[in-house]
Protein backbone atom coordinates (compact mmCIF):
# COMPACT_ATOMS: atom_id res chain seq x y z
CA UNK A 1 -32.27 15.96 -30.17
CA UNK A 2 -28.85 17.59 -29.93
CA UNK A 3 -25.90 16.13 -31.86
CA UNK A 4 -22.99 16.01 -29.42
CA UNK A 5 -20.54 14.27 -31.73
CA UNK A 6 -20.06 16.97 -34.36
CA UNK A 7 -17.72 19.59 -32.93
CA UNK A 8 -16.46 17.29 -30.17
CA UNK A 9 -12.77 17.92 -30.87
CA UNK A 10 -13.30 21.68 -30.91
CA UNK A 11 -15.22 21.47 -27.66
CA UNK A 12 -12.42 19.46 -26.03
CA UNK A 13 -9.91 22.11 -27.07
CA UNK A 14 -12.15 24.85 -25.63
CA UNK A 15 -12.60 22.99 -22.33
CA UNK A 16 -8.86 22.41 -21.95
CA UNK A 17 -8.08 26.06 -22.69
CA UNK A 18 -10.56 27.42 -20.15
CA UNK A 19 -10.40 24.82 -17.37
CA UNK A 20 -7.27 22.75 -17.95
CA UNK A 21 -9.31 19.55 -18.23
CA UNK A 22 -8.24 17.19 -21.01
CA UNK A 23 -11.11 14.93 -22.00
CA UNK A 24 -9.30 12.91 -24.64
CA UNK A 25 -10.97 10.74 -27.25
CA UNK A 26 -14.15 8.73 -26.86
CA UNK A 27 -15.64 10.73 -24.00
CA UNK A 28 -18.66 11.91 -25.98
CA UNK A 29 -20.90 10.06 -23.55
CA UNK A 30 -19.63 12.26 -20.70
CA UNK A 31 -20.27 15.45 -22.65
CA UNK A 32 -23.73 14.18 -23.56
CA UNK A 33 -24.70 13.31 -20.00
CA UNK A 34 -23.54 16.66 -18.61
CA UNK A 35 -24.59 19.08 -21.36
CA UNK A 36 -27.72 17.61 -22.96
CA UNK A 37 -30.19 19.42 -20.69
CA UNK A 38 -28.25 22.70 -20.82
CA UNK A 39 -28.21 22.60 -24.60
CA UNK A 40 -31.90 21.76 -24.77
CA UNK A 41 -32.73 24.68 -22.47
CA UNK A 42 -30.83 26.99 -24.83
CA UNK A 43 -32.26 25.43 -28.01
CA UNK A 44 -28.82 24.37 -29.23
CA UNK A 45 -28.52 21.39 -31.58
CA UNK A 46 -24.75 20.88 -31.91
CA UNK A 47 -21.54 21.57 -30.05
CA UNK A 48 -20.63 23.94 -32.90
CA UNK A 49 -23.70 26.03 -32.03
CA UNK A 50 -22.80 25.92 -28.35
CA UNK A 51 -19.24 27.11 -28.97
CA UNK A 52 -20.45 29.90 -31.24
CA UNK A 53 -22.88 31.14 -28.60
CA UNK A 54 -20.50 31.05 -25.63
CA UNK A 55 -17.89 32.93 -27.67
CA UNK A 56 -20.14 36.00 -27.53
CA UNK A 57 -19.59 38.38 -24.61
CA UNK A 58 -23.34 38.59 -24.14
CA UNK A 59 -23.44 34.91 -23.13
CA UNK A 60 -20.80 34.80 -20.39
CA UNK A 61 -23.26 33.13 -18.03
CA UNK A 62 -23.65 30.24 -20.48
CA UNK A 63 -19.86 29.80 -20.56
CA UNK A 64 -19.86 29.56 -16.76
CA UNK A 65 -22.67 27.00 -16.86
CA UNK A 66 -20.80 24.87 -19.40
CA UNK A 67 -17.54 24.84 -17.42
CA UNK A 68 -19.55 24.22 -14.26
CA UNK A 69 -21.35 21.24 -15.77
CA UNK A 70 -18.15 19.69 -17.08
CA UNK A 71 -16.14 20.08 -13.87
CA UNK A 72 -18.62 19.21 -11.12
CA UNK A 73 -17.75 15.85 -9.56
CA UNK A 74 -19.22 13.88 -6.71
CA UNK A 75 -17.23 13.60 -3.52
CA UNK A 76 -17.59 12.15 -0.04
CA UNK A 77 -16.50 12.65 3.55
CA UNK A 78 -12.99 11.51 4.57
CA UNK A 79 -12.39 10.22 1.04
CA UNK A 80 -9.77 7.45 0.82
CA UNK A 81 -9.25 7.54 4.63
CA UNK A 82 -5.41 7.53 4.56
CA UNK A 83 -4.90 11.25 3.89
CA UNK A 84 -7.06 12.16 6.87
CA UNK A 85 -5.35 9.62 9.11
CA UNK A 86 -2.00 11.10 8.07
CA UNK A 87 -3.29 14.59 8.82
CA UNK A 88 -4.47 13.53 12.27
CA UNK A 89 -1.63 11.22 13.31
CA UNK A 90 1.43 12.77 11.65
CA UNK A 91 0.97 16.30 10.33
CA UNK A 92 -1.04 17.88 13.14
CA UNK A 93 1.25 16.51 15.89
CA UNK A 94 4.27 17.75 13.93
CA UNK A 95 2.81 21.22 13.45
CA UNK A 96 1.49 21.74 16.97
CA UNK A 97 4.72 20.46 18.55
CA UNK A 98 6.85 22.84 16.49
CA UNK A 99 8.02 26.22 17.73
CA UNK A 100 6.18 28.18 15.06
CA UNK A 101 3.84 30.85 16.34
CA UNK A 102 1.81 31.26 13.14
CA UNK A 103 -1.62 29.64 12.65
CA UNK A 104 -1.90 26.45 10.62
CA UNK A 105 -2.96 27.08 7.01
CA UNK A 106 -4.28 24.37 4.67
CA UNK A 107 -5.40 24.62 1.04
CA UNK A 108 -8.08 22.27 -0.25
CA UNK A 109 -7.75 22.59 -4.04
CA UNK A 110 -10.74 21.48 -6.14
CA UNK A 111 -12.86 21.18 -3.01
CA UNK A 112 -16.15 20.47 -4.85
CA UNK A 113 -19.15 20.70 -2.49
CA UNK A 114 -17.06 21.05 0.67
CA UNK A 115 -16.76 17.57 2.12
CA UNK A 116 -12.95 17.56 2.04
CA UNK A 117 -12.31 20.88 3.84
CA UNK A 118 -15.07 20.26 6.37
CA UNK A 119 -13.59 16.80 7.04
CA UNK A 120 -10.23 18.47 7.74
CA UNK A 121 -11.85 20.97 10.07
CA UNK A 122 -13.55 18.21 12.06
CA UNK A 123 -10.20 16.42 12.45
CA UNK A 124 -8.47 19.61 13.61
CA UNK A 125 -11.27 20.32 16.07
CA UNK A 126 -11.28 16.82 17.57
CA UNK A 127 -7.47 16.61 17.70
CA UNK A 128 -7.23 19.88 19.61
CA UNK A 129 -9.93 18.75 22.06
CA UNK A 130 -8.13 15.47 22.77
CA UNK A 131 -4.77 17.17 23.25
CA UNK A 132 -6.10 20.05 25.32
CA UNK A 133 -4.90 22.62 22.78
CA UNK A 134 -6.55 26.00 23.13
CA UNK A 135 -9.25 26.88 20.66
CA UNK A 136 -9.22 30.11 18.70
CA UNK A 137 -5.67 29.70 17.40
CA UNK A 138 -6.67 30.88 13.94
CA UNK A 139 -6.31 27.75 11.82
CA UNK A 140 -7.55 28.45 8.31
CA UNK A 141 -8.56 26.14 5.49
CA UNK A 142 -8.79 27.85 2.11
CA UNK A 143 -11.04 25.77 -0.14
CA UNK A 144 -11.13 26.54 -3.87
CA UNK A 145 -13.04 25.23 -6.84
CA UNK A 146 -13.83 26.27 -10.40
CA UNK A 147 -17.54 25.41 -10.06
CA UNK A 148 -19.84 28.18 -8.79
CA UNK A 149 -22.67 25.73 -8.09
CA UNK A 150 -20.43 23.38 -6.10
CA UNK A 151 -19.10 26.29 -4.04
CA UNK A 152 -22.63 27.55 -3.37
CA UNK A 153 -23.49 24.16 -1.85
CA UNK A 154 -20.23 24.10 0.08
CA UNK A 155 -20.75 27.57 1.54
CA UNK A 156 -24.29 26.66 2.61
CA UNK A 157 -22.83 23.74 4.57
CA UNK A 158 -26.12 21.88 4.41
CA UNK A 159 -26.46 18.36 3.01
CA UNK A 160 -29.23 15.84 2.31
CA UNK A 161 -29.13 12.52 4.15
CA UNK A 162 -27.88 10.71 1.03
CA UNK A 163 -24.76 12.91 0.85
CA UNK A 164 -24.24 12.68 4.61
CA UNK A 165 -24.21 8.89 4.42
CA UNK A 166 -21.24 8.83 2.07
CA UNK A 167 -18.27 8.42 4.42
CA UNK A 168 -19.52 10.15 7.56
CA UNK A 169 -19.84 7.99 10.67
CA UNK A 170 -22.65 8.33 13.20
CA UNK A 171 -20.50 9.83 15.96
CA UNK A 172 -19.22 12.68 13.78
CA UNK A 173 -22.70 13.28 12.41
CA UNK A 174 -24.09 13.63 15.92
CA UNK A 175 -21.24 15.84 17.12
CA UNK A 176 -20.74 18.17 14.18
CA UNK A 177 -24.14 18.51 12.47
CA UNK A 178 -27.60 19.73 13.32
CA UNK A 179 -30.63 18.22 11.59
CA UNK A 180 -32.95 20.80 10.05
CA UNK A 181 -36.73 20.78 9.97
CA UNK A 182 -36.52 19.68 6.31
CA UNK A 183 -34.49 16.59 7.21
CA UNK A 184 -31.17 17.97 5.97
CA UNK A 185 -27.98 18.30 8.00
CA UNK A 186 -26.22 21.60 8.72
CA UNK A 187 -22.51 21.72 9.60
CA UNK A 188 -21.64 23.11 13.04
CA UNK A 189 -20.67 26.81 12.76
CA UNK A 190 -17.50 26.08 14.75
CA UNK A 191 -16.38 23.62 12.07
CA UNK A 192 -17.46 25.91 9.24
CA UNK A 193 -15.65 28.93 10.70
CA UNK A 194 -12.21 27.49 9.84
CA UNK A 195 -13.10 27.16 6.15
CA UNK A 196 -13.07 29.96 3.59
CA UNK A 197 -14.36 29.15 0.11
CA UNK A 198 -13.06 30.87 -3.01
CA UNK A 199 -13.91 30.57 -6.71
CA UNK A 200 -10.68 29.67 -8.48
CA UNK A 201 -9.41 28.09 -11.68
CA UNK A 202 -6.14 26.20 -11.12
CA UNK A 203 -4.85 27.93 -14.25
CA UNK A 204 -4.94 31.23 -12.31
CA UNK A 205 -2.20 32.69 -10.11
CA UNK A 206 -1.94 31.29 -6.59
CA UNK A 207 -0.10 34.28 -5.14
CA UNK A 208 -3.14 35.94 -3.57
CA UNK A 209 -3.94 32.79 -1.58
CA UNK A 210 -0.82 33.19 0.57
CA UNK A 211 1.40 30.42 1.93
CA UNK A 212 0.32 27.05 3.27
CA UNK A 213 1.61 24.35 5.60
CA UNK A 214 -0.41 21.63 3.86
CA UNK A 215 -2.01 21.41 0.42
CA UNK A 216 -4.58 18.79 -0.51
CA UNK A 217 -4.78 18.50 -4.32
CA UNK A 218 -6.43 15.13 -4.65
CA UNK A 219 -8.18 13.35 -7.53
CA UNK A 220 -7.94 16.32 -9.87
CA UNK A 221 -4.48 16.10 -11.48
CA UNK A 222 -5.60 13.02 -13.41
CA UNK A 223 -7.80 15.27 -15.58
CA UNK A 224 -4.93 17.46 -16.79
CA UNK A 225 -2.20 17.14 -19.40
CA UNK A 226 1.32 16.33 -18.23
CA UNK A 227 2.56 19.86 -18.88
CA UNK A 228 -0.29 21.50 -16.99
CA UNK A 229 0.08 19.03 -14.11
CA UNK A 230 3.79 19.88 -13.86
CA UNK A 231 2.98 23.61 -13.89
CA UNK A 232 0.46 23.16 -11.05
CA UNK A 233 2.92 21.16 -8.95
CA UNK A 234 5.66 23.76 -9.39
CA UNK A 235 3.37 26.62 -8.40
CA UNK A 236 2.01 24.68 -5.42
CA UNK A 237 5.60 24.11 -4.30
CA UNK A 238 6.05 27.89 -4.30
CA UNK A 239 2.85 28.19 -2.23
CA UNK A 240 4.10 25.89 0.54
CA UNK A 241 5.90 27.11 3.63
CA UNK A 242 9.37 25.58 4.19
CA UNK A 243 8.91 21.91 5.08
CA UNK A 244 5.24 22.03 4.04
CA UNK A 245 3.39 19.01 2.67
CA UNK A 246 1.44 18.20 -0.49
CA UNK A 247 -1.10 15.38 -0.73
CA UNK A 248 -2.30 14.08 -4.09
CA UNK A 249 -4.79 11.34 -4.92
CA UNK A 250 -4.11 7.64 -4.48
CA UNK A 251 -3.90 7.16 -8.27
CA UNK A 252 -1.72 10.25 -8.77
CA UNK A 253 2.03 10.64 -8.36
CA UNK A 254 4.66 13.37 -8.58
CA UNK A 255 7.23 12.31 -11.13
CA UNK A 256 10.31 14.19 -12.33
CA UNK A 257 10.20 16.83 -9.60
CA UNK A 258 12.64 15.33 -7.11
CA UNK A 259 14.37 18.66 -6.78
CA UNK A 260 11.15 20.15 -5.40
CA UNK A 261 9.50 17.38 -3.39
CA UNK A 262 10.71 14.62 -1.10
CA UNK A 263 8.52 11.52 -0.97
CA UNK A 264 7.48 10.53 2.58
CA UNK A 265 6.13 7.01 3.18
CA UNK A 266 3.46 6.95 5.89
CA UNK A 267 2.62 3.21 5.73
CA UNK A 268 0.02 3.26 4.35
CA UNK A 269 -0.04 6.33 2.17
CA UNK A 270 2.49 8.67 0.59
CA UNK A 271 2.83 12.42 0.99
CA UNK A 272 5.32 14.91 -0.43
CA UNK A 273 7.43 17.33 1.62
CA UNK A 274 8.73 20.56 0.15
CA UNK A 275 12.51 20.49 -0.24
């Protein structure tokens, strides 16, 4: 059986360097649950052995698998409710009533297996139908994640019934999904067409993504150090169009950046407008 205590500190340092995630002390159980099978498959007994192997250029795939295993998190449709209500009731009306002629652009950072960006696309679709807004206006949701396996699931846009049941109501399921012969559920191509998935580490440059009207960066900042979190928030500010909005998780806050972001109370919920 692998020993996942020896070398734990070194592994934490490696993970933070390559993904930004700060595990902190006493999270050996998390490393064990996520890496035990991978280490067994590679006949590795300790984290020291794992680090030595992934340091070799010939084992780049193993490095990807390790980062993937440590950063893949479960998600659900319309998570936390308030951000999606704010999108539908405040941000979309504001954008579509403005005089801008450019298409709406949204970034879903750390999108996992795609539930967040597809939820946004469903809201945009249904809002435009209710308001009689012409389709084909070019809205784009860029969805990024560091996990290749999560992105592969997201791009496929096909989910088992257990995943579908986590936050998706019956009316949206009927309207925006097609059941397959295998009993899975495939997202409507019209909803999927707004979403473009990209493999991305939040440590990387954001410049190639372009500018956005709205950024969702939810339930991911809590895993980073204060300095890295501040760096992300500054670079996301630069990625927003004038007057654009940032949404973070319910347990996350933007502190010490008042010169960059203005807090907007939506009752309930808080969002941040670019100054």
